[in-house]
């Protein structure tokens, strides 16, 4: 794994799946802050939220970012140049035809939506053309999903646990997936901008 982004690093993917939990909102603001429209591919995010709370993630992030932010809708195509949040209370999946699906299956590691579920479906749908990023969090969701992306040849990256507000999720992802990169948020931000440029 790399702890710095190589100079003149160049790569591109069709989709980026990002997972975050405790401390994730602040981490996502830092990660996504420099993303500009138009950009290539799509970005899909699972952020653990209580199921009984109405999500205002789209509203909050759309007001702070210079890109198209939406809540993923079942049956809708995954659009290029868009950022999608998983709705609360449902697992978010990407089907083989690159459309979204929602599932009411039981929580995974006490979480619905589950980062693992999104990333595993992205690994199946995109193969090596997907990148997975795991950020701060207090459980182990995302570790299995990131390993699935790695196994299919996709790019994998994890927030440096020493920087994360909660280190459990990054540490679990590192142990399970041996990611390509372990970077602070500033490095992950540069990586994200590079792969969707």
N, C-alpha and C. Protein backbone atom coordinates (compact mmCIF):
# COMPACT_ATOMS: atom_id res chain seq x y z
N UNK A 1 0.84 -1.19 0.00
CA UNK A 1 0.00 0.00 0.00
C UNK A 1 0.87 1.24 0.00
N UNK A 2 0.36 2.31 -0.59
CA UNK A 2 1.09 3.57 -0.64
C UNK A 2 0.52 4.53 0.39
N UNK A 3 1.40 5.30 1.00
CA UNK A 3 0.96 6.31 1.95
C UNK A 3 1.14 7.72 1.40
N UNK A 4 1.57 7.80 0.15
CA UNK A 4 1.61 9.08 -0.57
C UNK A 4 1.12 8.83 -1.98
N UNK A 5 0.56 9.85 -2.60
CA UNK A 5 0.10 9.74 -3.98
C UNK A 5 1.30 9.99 -4.89
N UNK A 6 1.61 9.05 -5.80
CA UNK A 6 2.78 9.24 -6.66
C UNK A 6 2.68 10.52 -7.48
N UNK A 7 3.81 11.15 -7.70
CA UNK A 7 3.84 12.33 -8.57
C UNK A 7 3.42 11.93 -9.98
N UNK A 8 2.64 12.78 -10.62
CA UNK A 8 2.13 12.53 -11.96
C UNK A 8 1.24 11.29 -12.03
N UNK A 9 0.61 10.95 -10.90
CA UNK A 9 -0.30 9.80 -10.88
C UNK A 9 -1.44 10.03 -11.86
N UNK A 10 -1.78 8.99 -12.64
CA UNK A 10 -2.85 9.10 -13.62
C UNK A 10 -3.65 7.81 -13.64
N UNK A 11 -4.94 7.91 -13.45
CA UNK A 11 -5.83 6.75 -13.51
C UNK A 11 -7.24 7.27 -13.70
N UNK A 12 -8.11 6.42 -14.22
CA UNK A 12 -9.51 6.81 -14.36
C UNK A 12 -10.39 5.60 -14.14
N UNK A 13 -11.60 5.84 -13.65
CA UNK A 13 -12.56 4.78 -13.38
C UNK A 13 -13.94 5.26 -13.83
N UNK A 14 -14.87 4.32 -13.91
CA UNK A 14 -16.24 4.66 -14.28
C UNK A 14 -17.07 5.07 -13.07
N UNK A 15 -16.70 4.60 -11.89
CA UNK A 15 -17.49 4.89 -10.69
C UNK A 15 -16.60 4.87 -9.47
N UNK A 16 -17.02 5.63 -8.46
CA UNK A 16 -16.33 5.66 -7.18
C UNK A 16 -17.37 5.39 -6.09
N UNK A 17 -17.11 4.39 -5.26
CA UNK A 17 -17.99 4.08 -4.13
C UNK A 17 -17.28 4.48 -2.85
N UNK A 18 -17.95 5.32 -2.05
CA UNK A 18 -17.35 5.87 -0.83
C UNK A 18 -18.21 5.47 0.36
N UNK A 19 -17.56 5.04 1.43
CA UNK A 19 -18.28 4.71 2.66
C UNK A 19 -17.73 5.46 3.84
N UNK A 20 -18.63 5.96 4.69
CA UNK A 20 -18.24 6.68 5.88
C UNK A 20 -19.29 6.47 6.96
N UNK A 21 -18.87 6.62 8.20
CA UNK A 21 -19.80 6.48 9.32
C UNK A 21 -19.53 7.62 10.30
N UNK A 22 -19.26 7.30 11.54
CA UNK A 22 -19.07 8.35 12.55
C UNK A 22 -17.94 9.29 12.14
N UNK A 23 -18.23 10.58 12.14
CA UNK A 23 -17.27 11.59 11.69
C UNK A 23 -17.27 11.80 10.20
N UNK A 24 -18.18 11.12 9.49
CA UNK A 24 -18.14 11.10 8.05
C UNK A 24 -18.54 12.39 7.36
N UNK A 25 -19.44 13.16 7.96
CA UNK A 25 -19.89 14.38 7.28
C UNK A 25 -18.73 15.35 7.10
N UNK A 26 -17.98 15.60 8.15
CA UNK A 26 -16.84 16.50 8.04
C UNK A 26 -15.81 15.94 7.06
N UNK A 27 -15.56 14.63 7.13
CA UNK A 27 -14.59 14.01 6.23
C UNK A 27 -15.03 14.16 4.78
N UNK A 28 -16.32 13.98 4.52
CA UNK A 28 -16.82 14.10 3.15
C UNK A 28 -16.73 15.53 2.63
N UNK A 29 -16.99 16.51 3.49
CA UNK A 29 -16.84 17.90 3.05
C UNK A 29 -15.41 18.17 2.60
N UNK A 30 -14.44 17.65 3.35
CA UNK A 30 -13.04 17.83 2.98
C UNK A 30 -12.72 17.08 1.70
N UNK A 31 -13.17 15.83 1.60
CA UNK A 31 -12.87 14.99 0.44
C UNK A 31 -13.46 15.56 -0.84
N UNK A 32 -14.70 16.02 -0.77
CA UNK A 32 -15.44 16.41 -1.97
C UNK A 32 -15.32 17.88 -2.32
N UNK A 33 -14.73 18.65 -1.45
CA UNK A 33 -14.74 20.10 -1.61
C UNK A 33 -14.16 20.62 -2.90
N UNK A 34 -13.18 19.94 -3.46
CA UNK A 34 -12.56 20.44 -4.69
C UNK A 34 -13.12 19.84 -5.95
N UNK A 35 -14.14 18.99 -5.83
CA UNK A 35 -14.69 18.33 -7.01
C UNK A 35 -15.49 19.34 -7.83
N UNK A 36 -15.18 19.42 -9.11
CA UNK A 36 -15.81 20.41 -9.97
C UNK A 36 -16.55 19.72 -11.12
N UNK A 37 -17.66 20.32 -11.53
CA UNK A 37 -18.37 19.85 -12.72
C UNK A 37 -17.74 20.51 -13.95
N UNK A 38 -17.74 19.82 -15.10
CA UNK A 38 -18.17 18.43 -15.25
C UNK A 38 -17.04 17.49 -14.85
N UNK A 39 -17.40 16.29 -14.44
CA UNK A 39 -16.39 15.29 -14.18
C UNK A 39 -16.83 13.95 -14.74
N UNK A 40 -15.87 13.06 -14.89
CA UNK A 40 -16.11 11.76 -15.52
C UNK A 40 -16.57 10.76 -14.47
N UNK A 41 -17.45 9.86 -14.88
CA UNK A 41 -17.88 8.80 -13.98
C UNK A 41 -18.91 9.30 -12.98
N UNK A 42 -19.17 8.47 -12.00
CA UNK A 42 -20.16 8.80 -10.96
C UNK A 42 -19.58 8.49 -9.60
N UNK A 43 -20.09 9.20 -8.60
CA UNK A 43 -19.66 9.01 -7.22
C UNK A 43 -20.87 8.61 -6.40
N UNK A 44 -20.77 7.49 -5.68
CA UNK A 44 -21.86 6.98 -4.86
C UNK A 44 -21.40 6.87 -3.41
N UNK A 45 -22.24 7.35 -2.50
CA UNK A 45 -21.82 7.43 -1.10
C UNK A 45 -22.84 6.76 -0.19
N UNK A 46 -22.33 5.94 0.72
CA UNK A 46 -23.11 5.45 1.85
C UNK A 46 -22.56 6.12 3.10
N UNK A 47 -23.43 6.84 3.77
CA UNK A 47 -23.09 7.45 5.05
C UNK A 47 -24.10 6.93 6.07
N UNK A 48 -23.61 6.29 7.11
CA UNK A 48 -24.51 5.72 8.10
C UNK A 48 -25.30 6.82 8.81
N UNK A 49 -26.63 6.70 8.76
CA UNK A 49 -27.53 7.62 9.43
C UNK A 49 -28.63 6.83 10.13
N UNK A 50 -29.21 7.36 11.18
CA UNK A 50 -30.35 6.67 11.79
C UNK A 50 -31.49 6.52 10.79
N UNK A 51 -32.11 5.33 10.76
CA UNK A 51 -33.17 5.07 9.79
C UNK A 51 -34.41 5.92 10.02
N UNK A 52 -34.62 6.35 11.26
CA UNK A 52 -35.86 7.06 11.57
C UNK A 52 -35.72 8.58 11.41
N UNK A 53 -34.62 9.02 10.82
CA UNK A 53 -34.42 10.45 10.58
C UNK A 53 -34.48 10.74 9.08
N UNK A 54 -35.20 11.80 8.72
CA UNK A 54 -35.22 12.22 7.33
C UNK A 54 -33.83 12.72 6.94
N UNK A 55 -33.34 12.24 5.81
CA UNK A 55 -32.01 12.64 5.38
C UNK A 55 -32.07 14.01 4.69
N UNK A 56 -31.15 14.88 5.08
CA UNK A 56 -30.99 16.17 4.41
C UNK A 56 -29.61 16.25 3.75
N UNK A 57 -29.00 15.09 3.51
CA UNK A 57 -27.66 15.08 2.95
C UNK A 57 -27.60 15.77 1.60
N UNK A 58 -28.57 15.49 0.74
CA UNK A 58 -28.55 16.10 -0.59
C UNK A 58 -28.62 17.61 -0.48
N UNK A 59 -29.53 18.09 0.32
CA UNK A 59 -29.70 19.53 0.50
C UNK A 59 -28.43 20.17 1.06
N UNK A 60 -27.86 19.55 2.08
CA UNK A 60 -26.68 20.12 2.74
C UNK A 60 -25.48 20.12 1.81
N UNK A 61 -25.24 18.99 1.13
CA UNK A 61 -24.06 18.91 0.27
C UNK A 61 -24.24 19.69 -1.02
N UNK A 62 -25.45 19.72 -1.57
CA UNK A 62 -25.68 20.49 -2.79
C UNK A 62 -25.42 21.98 -2.57
N UNK A 63 -25.67 22.45 -1.36
CA UNK A 63 -25.45 23.87 -1.08
C UNK A 63 -23.97 24.20 -0.90
N UNK A 64 -23.15 23.16 -0.71
CA UNK A 64 -21.73 23.39 -0.44
C UNK A 64 -20.81 22.96 -1.59
N UNK A 65 -21.34 22.18 -2.54
CA UNK A 65 -20.51 21.64 -3.61
C UNK A 65 -20.94 22.20 -4.96
N UNK A 66 -19.99 22.25 -5.88
CA UNK A 66 -20.25 22.78 -7.22
C UNK A 66 -20.54 21.65 -8.21
N UNK A 67 -21.28 20.63 -7.75
CA UNK A 67 -21.60 19.48 -8.60
C UNK A 67 -23.05 19.09 -8.37
N UNK A 68 -23.56 18.21 -9.24
CA UNK A 68 -24.93 17.72 -9.14
C UNK A 68 -25.00 16.64 -8.06
N UNK A 69 -25.78 16.90 -7.00
CA UNK A 69 -25.91 15.96 -5.89
C UNK A 69 -27.35 15.47 -5.85
N UNK A 70 -27.54 14.15 -5.80
CA UNK A 70 -28.87 13.56 -5.80
C UNK A 70 -28.95 12.41 -4.80
N UNK A 71 -30.18 12.06 -4.44
CA UNK A 71 -30.40 10.82 -3.72
C UNK A 71 -30.69 9.73 -4.75
N UNK A 72 -30.03 8.59 -4.63
CA UNK A 72 -30.20 7.51 -5.59
C UNK A 72 -31.64 7.01 -5.58
N UNK A 73 -32.20 6.79 -6.77
CA UNK A 73 -33.58 6.34 -6.93
C UNK A 73 -33.61 4.96 -7.58
N UNK A 74 -34.46 4.06 -7.10
CA UNK A 74 -34.50 2.71 -7.68
C UNK A 74 -34.90 2.74 -9.15
N UNK A 75 -34.16 1.98 -9.96
CA UNK A 75 -34.43 1.90 -11.38
C UNK A 75 -33.80 3.00 -12.21
N UNK A 76 -33.29 4.03 -11.57
CA UNK A 76 -32.69 5.14 -12.31
C UNK A 76 -31.29 4.76 -12.78
N UNK A 77 -30.91 5.20 -13.97
CA UNK A 77 -29.55 4.92 -14.43
C UNK A 77 -28.52 5.69 -13.62
N UNK A 78 -27.35 5.09 -13.46
CA UNK A 78 -26.25 5.76 -12.78
C UNK A 78 -25.66 6.75 -13.77
N UNK A 79 -25.83 8.03 -13.50
CA UNK A 79 -25.42 9.05 -14.45
C UNK A 79 -23.99 9.51 -14.25
N UNK A 80 -23.32 9.79 -15.35
CA UNK A 80 -21.96 10.30 -15.28
C UNK A 80 -21.96 11.75 -14.80
N UNK A 81 -20.94 12.11 -14.04
CA UNK A 81 -20.83 13.48 -13.57
C UNK A 81 -21.78 13.83 -12.44
N UNK A 82 -22.25 12.83 -11.72
CA UNK A 82 -23.19 13.06 -10.62
C UNK A 82 -22.70 12.39 -9.34
N UNK A 83 -23.12 12.97 -8.23
CA UNK A 83 -22.83 12.40 -6.92
C UNK A 83 -24.15 11.94 -6.29
N UNK A 84 -24.18 10.69 -5.82
CA UNK A 84 -25.40 10.10 -5.28
C UNK A 84 -25.20 9.68 -3.82
N UNK A 85 -26.20 9.96 -3.00
CA UNK A 85 -26.24 9.45 -1.63
C UNK A 85 -27.25 8.32 -1.55
N UNK A 86 -26.92 7.30 -0.77
CA UNK A 86 -27.88 6.24 -0.48
C UNK A 86 -28.96 6.80 0.44
N UNK A 87 -30.24 6.49 0.18
CA UNK A 87 -31.30 6.95 1.09
C UNK A 87 -31.26 6.19 2.40
N UNK A 88 -31.71 6.80 3.48
CA UNK A 88 -31.70 6.10 4.77
C UNK A 88 -32.69 4.94 4.78
N UNK A 89 -32.32 3.87 5.47
CA UNK A 89 -33.23 2.75 5.66
C UNK A 89 -33.23 1.73 4.56
N UNK A 90 -32.41 1.92 3.52
CA UNK A 90 -32.34 0.98 2.40
C UNK A 90 -30.88 0.70 2.05
N UNK A 91 -30.59 -0.54 1.69
CA UNK A 91 -29.31 -0.83 1.06
C UNK A 91 -29.35 -0.32 -0.37
N UNK A 92 -28.24 0.28 -0.82
CA UNK A 92 -28.12 0.76 -2.18
C UNK A 92 -27.23 -0.19 -2.97
N UNK A 93 -27.71 -0.62 -4.15
CA UNK A 93 -26.95 -1.49 -5.02
C UNK A 93 -26.93 -0.93 -6.43
N UNK A 94 -25.90 -1.32 -7.19
CA UNK A 94 -25.85 -1.02 -8.62
C UNK A 94 -26.00 -2.35 -9.35
N UNK A 95 -26.98 -2.39 -10.26
CA UNK A 95 -27.24 -3.61 -11.03
C UNK A 95 -26.27 -3.71 -12.21
N UNK A 96 -26.28 -4.89 -12.86
CA UNK A 96 -25.37 -5.13 -13.98
C UNK A 96 -25.59 -4.15 -15.13
N UNK A 97 -26.84 -3.66 -15.27
CA UNK A 97 -27.12 -2.70 -16.35
C UNK A 97 -26.86 -1.25 -15.93
N UNK A 98 -26.17 -1.09 -14.80
CA UNK A 98 -25.79 0.24 -14.29
C UNK A 98 -26.99 1.09 -13.92
N UNK A 99 -27.97 0.45 -13.31
CA UNK A 99 -29.09 1.17 -12.70
C UNK A 99 -29.06 0.91 -11.20
N UNK A 100 -29.72 1.80 -10.45
CA UNK A 100 -29.76 1.64 -9.00
C UNK A 100 -30.87 0.69 -8.57
N UNK A 101 -30.64 -0.01 -7.47
CA UNK A 101 -31.67 -0.81 -6.82
C UNK A 101 -31.58 -0.54 -5.33
N UNK A 102 -32.72 -0.62 -4.66
CA UNK A 102 -32.78 -0.48 -3.21
C UNK A 102 -33.27 -1.78 -2.61
N UNK A 103 -32.78 -2.11 -1.43
CA UNK A 103 -33.14 -3.35 -0.77
C UNK A 103 -33.49 -3.10 0.69
N UNK A 104 -34.52 -3.83 1.16
CA UNK A 104 -34.90 -3.79 2.57
C UNK A 104 -34.35 -4.99 3.33
N UNK A 105 -33.35 -5.66 2.78
CA UNK A 105 -32.75 -6.79 3.48
C UNK A 105 -32.24 -6.34 4.85
N UNK A 106 -32.03 -7.27 5.77
CA UNK A 106 -31.62 -6.89 7.13
C UNK A 106 -30.32 -6.08 7.13
N UNK A 107 -30.14 -5.27 8.17
CA UNK A 107 -28.89 -4.50 8.29
C UNK A 107 -27.66 -5.40 8.25
N UNK A 108 -26.58 -4.86 7.76
CA UNK A 108 -25.28 -5.53 7.75
C UNK A 108 -24.39 -4.79 8.73
N UNK A 109 -23.87 -5.52 9.72
CA UNK A 109 -23.09 -4.88 10.78
C UNK A 109 -23.87 -3.71 11.38
N UNK A 110 -25.15 -3.97 11.61
CA UNK A 110 -26.06 -3.01 12.24
C UNK A 110 -26.35 -1.79 11.36
N UNK A 111 -26.02 -1.87 10.09
CA UNK A 111 -26.15 -0.69 9.22
C UNK A 111 -27.01 -0.99 7.99
N UNK A 112 -27.93 -0.10 7.73
CA UNK A 112 -28.71 -0.11 6.49
C UNK A 112 -29.04 1.34 6.16
N UNK A 113 -28.35 1.92 5.16
CA UNK A 113 -27.58 1.26 4.11
C UNK A 113 -26.22 0.76 4.59
N UNK A 114 -25.73 -0.25 3.88
CA UNK A 114 -24.45 -0.86 4.19
C UNK A 114 -23.43 -0.49 3.12
N UNK A 115 -22.25 -0.12 3.58
CA UNK A 115 -21.14 0.16 2.66
C UNK A 115 -20.75 -1.12 1.92
N UNK A 116 -20.68 -2.23 2.65
CA UNK A 116 -20.32 -3.51 2.03
C UNK A 116 -21.25 -3.84 0.87
N UNK A 117 -22.55 -3.68 1.06
CA UNK A 117 -23.52 -4.02 0.02
C UNK A 117 -23.29 -3.17 -1.23
N UNK A 118 -23.12 -1.86 -1.05
CA UNK A 118 -22.87 -1.00 -2.22
C UNK A 118 -21.59 -1.40 -2.92
N UNK A 119 -20.52 -1.57 -2.18
CA UNK A 119 -19.23 -1.85 -2.81
C UNK A 119 -19.21 -3.21 -3.49
N UNK A 120 -19.82 -4.21 -2.88
CA UNK A 120 -19.86 -5.53 -3.52
C UNK A 120 -20.65 -5.48 -4.82
N UNK A 121 -21.74 -4.73 -4.83
CA UNK A 121 -22.52 -4.63 -6.07
C UNK A 121 -21.75 -3.84 -7.12
N UNK A 122 -21.00 -2.82 -6.72
CA UNK A 122 -20.18 -2.06 -7.67
C UNK A 122 -19.06 -2.93 -8.24
N UNK A 123 -18.47 -3.79 -7.41
CA UNK A 123 -17.44 -4.69 -7.90
C UNK A 123 -18.00 -5.61 -8.98
N UNK A 124 -19.22 -6.10 -8.76
CA UNK A 124 -19.85 -6.96 -9.75
C UNK A 124 -20.22 -6.20 -11.02
N UNK A 125 -20.72 -4.97 -10.87
CA UNK A 125 -21.20 -4.20 -12.02
C UNK A 125 -20.08 -3.60 -12.85
N UNK A 126 -19.00 -3.15 -12.19
CA UNK A 126 -17.96 -2.41 -12.88
C UNK A 126 -16.64 -3.14 -13.01
N UNK A 127 -16.45 -4.23 -12.27
CA UNK A 127 -15.17 -4.92 -12.32
C UNK A 127 -14.03 -4.00 -11.93
N UNK A 128 -13.01 -3.94 -12.78
CA UNK A 128 -11.84 -3.12 -12.47
C UNK A 128 -12.02 -1.65 -12.72
N UNK A 129 -13.21 -1.23 -13.15
CA UNK A 129 -13.46 0.18 -13.46
C UNK A 129 -14.13 0.93 -12.31
N UNK A 130 -13.94 0.45 -11.09
CA UNK A 130 -14.51 1.13 -9.92
C UNK A 130 -13.40 1.36 -8.90
N UNK A 131 -13.53 2.45 -8.17
CA UNK A 131 -12.65 2.74 -7.04
C UNK A 131 -13.47 2.73 -5.77
N UNK A 132 -12.92 2.19 -4.71
CA UNK A 132 -13.58 2.19 -3.41
C UNK A 132 -12.77 2.96 -2.40
N UNK A 133 -13.45 3.82 -1.63
CA UNK A 133 -12.80 4.61 -0.58
C UNK A 133 -13.53 4.40 0.73
N UNK A 134 -12.79 4.06 1.78
CA UNK A 134 -13.36 3.89 3.11
C UNK A 134 -12.80 4.98 4.02
N UNK A 135 -13.71 5.69 4.67
CA UNK A 135 -13.34 6.81 5.53
C UNK A 135 -13.61 6.46 7.00
N UNK A 136 -13.59 7.45 7.83
CA UNK A 136 -13.78 7.32 9.27
C UNK A 136 -15.07 6.58 9.63
N UNK A 137 -15.02 5.83 10.72
CA UNK A 137 -16.20 5.12 11.19
C UNK A 137 -15.88 4.24 12.38
N UNK A 138 -16.93 3.89 13.13
CA UNK A 138 -16.74 3.18 14.39
C UNK A 138 -17.14 1.71 14.32
N UNK A 139 -17.42 1.18 13.10
CA UNK A 139 -17.63 -0.26 12.99
C UNK A 139 -16.80 -0.78 11.82
N UNK A 140 -17.05 -2.01 11.38
CA UNK A 140 -16.20 -2.62 10.35
C UNK A 140 -16.87 -2.68 8.98
N UNK A 141 -18.00 -1.98 8.81
CA UNK A 141 -18.65 -1.94 7.51
C UNK A 141 -17.70 -1.32 6.49
N UNK A 142 -17.66 -1.89 5.31
CA UNK A 142 -16.79 -1.40 4.25
C UNK A 142 -15.57 -2.27 4.02
N UNK A 143 -15.15 -3.02 5.02
CA UNK A 143 -13.95 -3.85 4.87
C UNK A 143 -14.18 -4.95 3.85
N UNK A 144 -15.28 -5.66 3.97
CA UNK A 144 -15.58 -6.75 3.04
C UNK A 144 -15.83 -6.21 1.63
N UNK A 145 -16.53 -5.09 1.54
CA UNK A 145 -16.81 -4.50 0.24
C UNK A 145 -15.55 -4.02 -0.46
N UNK A 146 -14.65 -3.41 0.30
CA UNK A 146 -13.40 -2.94 -0.30
C UNK A 146 -12.58 -4.13 -0.80
N UNK A 147 -12.59 -5.23 -0.03
CA UNK A 147 -11.88 -6.43 -0.46
C UNK A 147 -12.47 -6.98 -1.76
N UNK A 148 -13.79 -6.87 -1.92
CA UNK A 148 -14.43 -7.33 -3.16
C UNK A 148 -13.99 -6.49 -4.35
N UNK A 149 -13.89 -5.18 -4.16
CA UNK A 149 -13.41 -4.30 -5.24
C UNK A 149 -11.97 -4.65 -5.59
N UNK A 150 -11.14 -4.86 -4.57
CA UNK A 150 -9.74 -5.21 -4.81
C UNK A 150 -9.64 -6.52 -5.59
N UNK A 151 -10.48 -7.50 -5.23
CA UNK A 151 -10.43 -8.80 -5.88
C UNK A 151 -10.81 -8.73 -7.35
N UNK A 152 -11.63 -7.75 -7.72
CA UNK A 152 -12.06 -7.60 -9.12
C UNK A 152 -11.14 -6.65 -9.90
N UNK A 153 -10.07 -6.19 -9.27
CA UNK A 153 -9.11 -5.34 -9.96
C UNK A 153 -9.37 -3.86 -9.87
N UNK A 154 -10.31 -3.46 -9.02
CA UNK A 154 -10.59 -2.04 -8.84
C UNK A 154 -9.56 -1.38 -7.93
N UNK A 155 -9.60 -0.06 -7.92
CA UNK A 155 -8.69 0.71 -7.07
C UNK A 155 -9.27 0.84 -5.67
N UNK A 156 -8.42 0.73 -4.66
CA UNK A 156 -8.89 0.79 -3.27
C UNK A 156 -8.07 1.79 -2.48
N UNK A 157 -8.75 2.54 -1.62
CA UNK A 157 -8.07 3.55 -0.81
C UNK A 157 -8.79 3.70 0.52
N UNK A 158 -8.04 4.03 1.55
CA UNK A 158 -8.56 4.14 2.91
C UNK A 158 -7.98 5.39 3.55
N UNK A 159 -8.82 6.07 4.32
CA UNK A 159 -8.33 7.21 5.09
C UNK A 159 -7.34 6.74 6.14
N UNK A 160 -6.27 7.46 6.29
CA UNK A 160 -5.26 7.15 7.31
C UNK A 160 -5.93 7.07 8.68
N UNK A 161 -5.88 5.91 9.34
CA UNK A 161 -6.56 5.79 10.64
C UNK A 161 -6.08 6.80 11.68
N UNK A 162 -4.83 7.22 11.57
CA UNK A 162 -4.31 8.18 12.55
C UNK A 162 -4.98 9.54 12.42
N UNK A 163 -5.51 9.83 11.23
CA UNK A 163 -6.19 11.10 11.00
C UNK A 163 -7.69 10.98 11.23
N UNK A 164 -8.25 9.78 11.07
CA UNK A 164 -9.70 9.59 11.12
C UNK A 164 -10.25 9.92 12.50
N UNK A 165 -11.45 10.50 12.52
CA UNK A 165 -12.10 10.79 13.80
C UNK A 165 -12.39 9.50 14.55
N UNK A 166 -12.74 8.44 13.82
CA UNK A 166 -12.92 7.11 14.40
C UNK A 166 -12.13 6.13 13.53
N UNK A 167 -11.16 5.45 14.13
CA UNK A 167 -10.20 4.67 13.35
C UNK A 167 -10.66 3.24 13.05
N UNK A 168 -11.72 2.76 13.69
CA UNK A 168 -12.10 1.35 13.56
C UNK A 168 -12.36 0.95 12.12
N UNK A 169 -13.14 1.73 11.40
CA UNK A 169 -13.51 1.36 10.03
C UNK A 169 -12.30 1.38 9.09
N UNK A 170 -11.47 2.42 9.10
CA UNK A 170 -10.27 2.36 8.27
C UNK A 170 -9.35 1.19 8.63
N UNK A 171 -9.17 0.93 9.91
CA UNK A 171 -8.29 -0.16 10.32
C UNK A 171 -8.81 -1.51 9.82
N UNK A 172 -10.12 -1.72 9.92
CA UNK A 172 -10.71 -2.97 9.45
C UNK A 172 -10.54 -3.11 7.94
N UNK A 173 -10.71 -2.02 7.21
CA UNK A 173 -10.56 -2.06 5.75
C UNK A 173 -9.12 -2.36 5.35
N UNK A 174 -8.17 -1.79 6.06
CA UNK A 174 -6.77 -2.06 5.77
C UNK A 174 -6.46 -3.54 6.01
N UNK A 175 -6.95 -4.08 7.11
CA UNK A 175 -6.68 -5.49 7.43
C UNK A 175 -7.31 -6.43 6.42
N UNK A 176 -8.50 -6.10 5.94
CA UNK A 176 -9.24 -7.01 5.06
C UNK A 176 -8.84 -6.89 3.60
N UNK A 177 -8.47 -5.69 3.17
CA UNK A 177 -8.33 -5.44 1.73
C UNK A 177 -6.92 -5.12 1.26
N UNK A 178 -5.99 -4.87 2.18
CA UNK A 178 -4.64 -4.44 1.77
C UNK A 178 -4.75 -3.40 0.66
N UNK A 179 -5.33 -2.23 0.97
CA UNK A 179 -5.67 -1.27 -0.08
C UNK A 179 -4.46 -0.72 -0.82
N UNK A 180 -4.73 -0.20 -2.01
CA UNK A 180 -3.67 0.40 -2.82
C UNK A 180 -3.10 1.64 -2.16
N UNK A 181 -3.94 2.40 -1.49
CA UNK A 181 -3.52 3.65 -0.87
C UNK A 181 -4.09 3.77 0.53
N UNK A 182 -3.29 4.25 1.47
CA UNK A 182 -3.75 4.70 2.78
C UNK A 182 -3.27 6.14 2.92
N UNK A 183 -4.21 7.08 2.85
CA UNK A 183 -3.86 8.48 2.71
C UNK A 183 -4.67 9.35 3.67
N UNK A 184 -4.13 10.47 4.08
CA UNK A 184 -4.96 11.47 4.76
C UNK A 184 -5.99 12.02 3.78
N UNK A 185 -6.97 12.73 4.30
CA UNK A 185 -8.05 13.23 3.44
C UNK A 185 -7.53 14.10 2.30
N UNK A 186 -6.50 14.87 2.54
CA UNK A 186 -5.95 15.71 1.47
C UNK A 186 -5.45 14.84 0.31
N UNK A 187 -4.82 13.72 0.64
CA UNK A 187 -4.35 12.81 -0.39
C UNK A 187 -5.49 12.10 -1.10
N UNK A 188 -6.51 11.70 -0.33
CA UNK A 188 -7.69 11.07 -0.94
C UNK A 188 -8.42 12.05 -1.86
N UNK A 189 -8.43 13.29 -1.47
CA UNK A 189 -9.07 14.33 -2.31
C UNK A 189 -8.35 14.44 -3.64
N UNK A 190 -7.02 14.45 -3.63
CA UNK A 190 -6.24 14.49 -4.88
C UNK A 190 -6.48 13.24 -5.70
N UNK A 191 -6.54 12.09 -5.03
CA UNK A 191 -6.80 10.83 -5.73
C UNK A 191 -8.17 10.86 -6.42
N UNK A 192 -9.19 11.30 -5.69
CA UNK A 192 -10.53 11.36 -6.25
C UNK A 192 -10.58 12.28 -7.46
N UNK A 193 -9.98 13.44 -7.33
CA UNK A 193 -9.99 14.40 -8.44
C UNK A 193 -9.28 13.83 -9.65
N UNK A 194 -8.23 13.05 -9.42
CA UNK A 194 -7.50 12.46 -10.53
C UNK A 194 -8.31 11.40 -11.25
N UNK A 195 -8.96 10.52 -10.52
CA UNK A 195 -9.63 9.38 -11.16
C UNK A 195 -10.92 9.77 -11.86
N UNK A 196 -11.52 10.92 -11.50
CA UNK A 196 -12.75 11.34 -12.20
C UNK A 196 -12.50 12.49 -13.17
N UNK A 197 -11.26 12.88 -13.32
CA UNK A 197 -10.93 14.02 -14.19
C UNK A 197 -11.17 13.66 -15.65
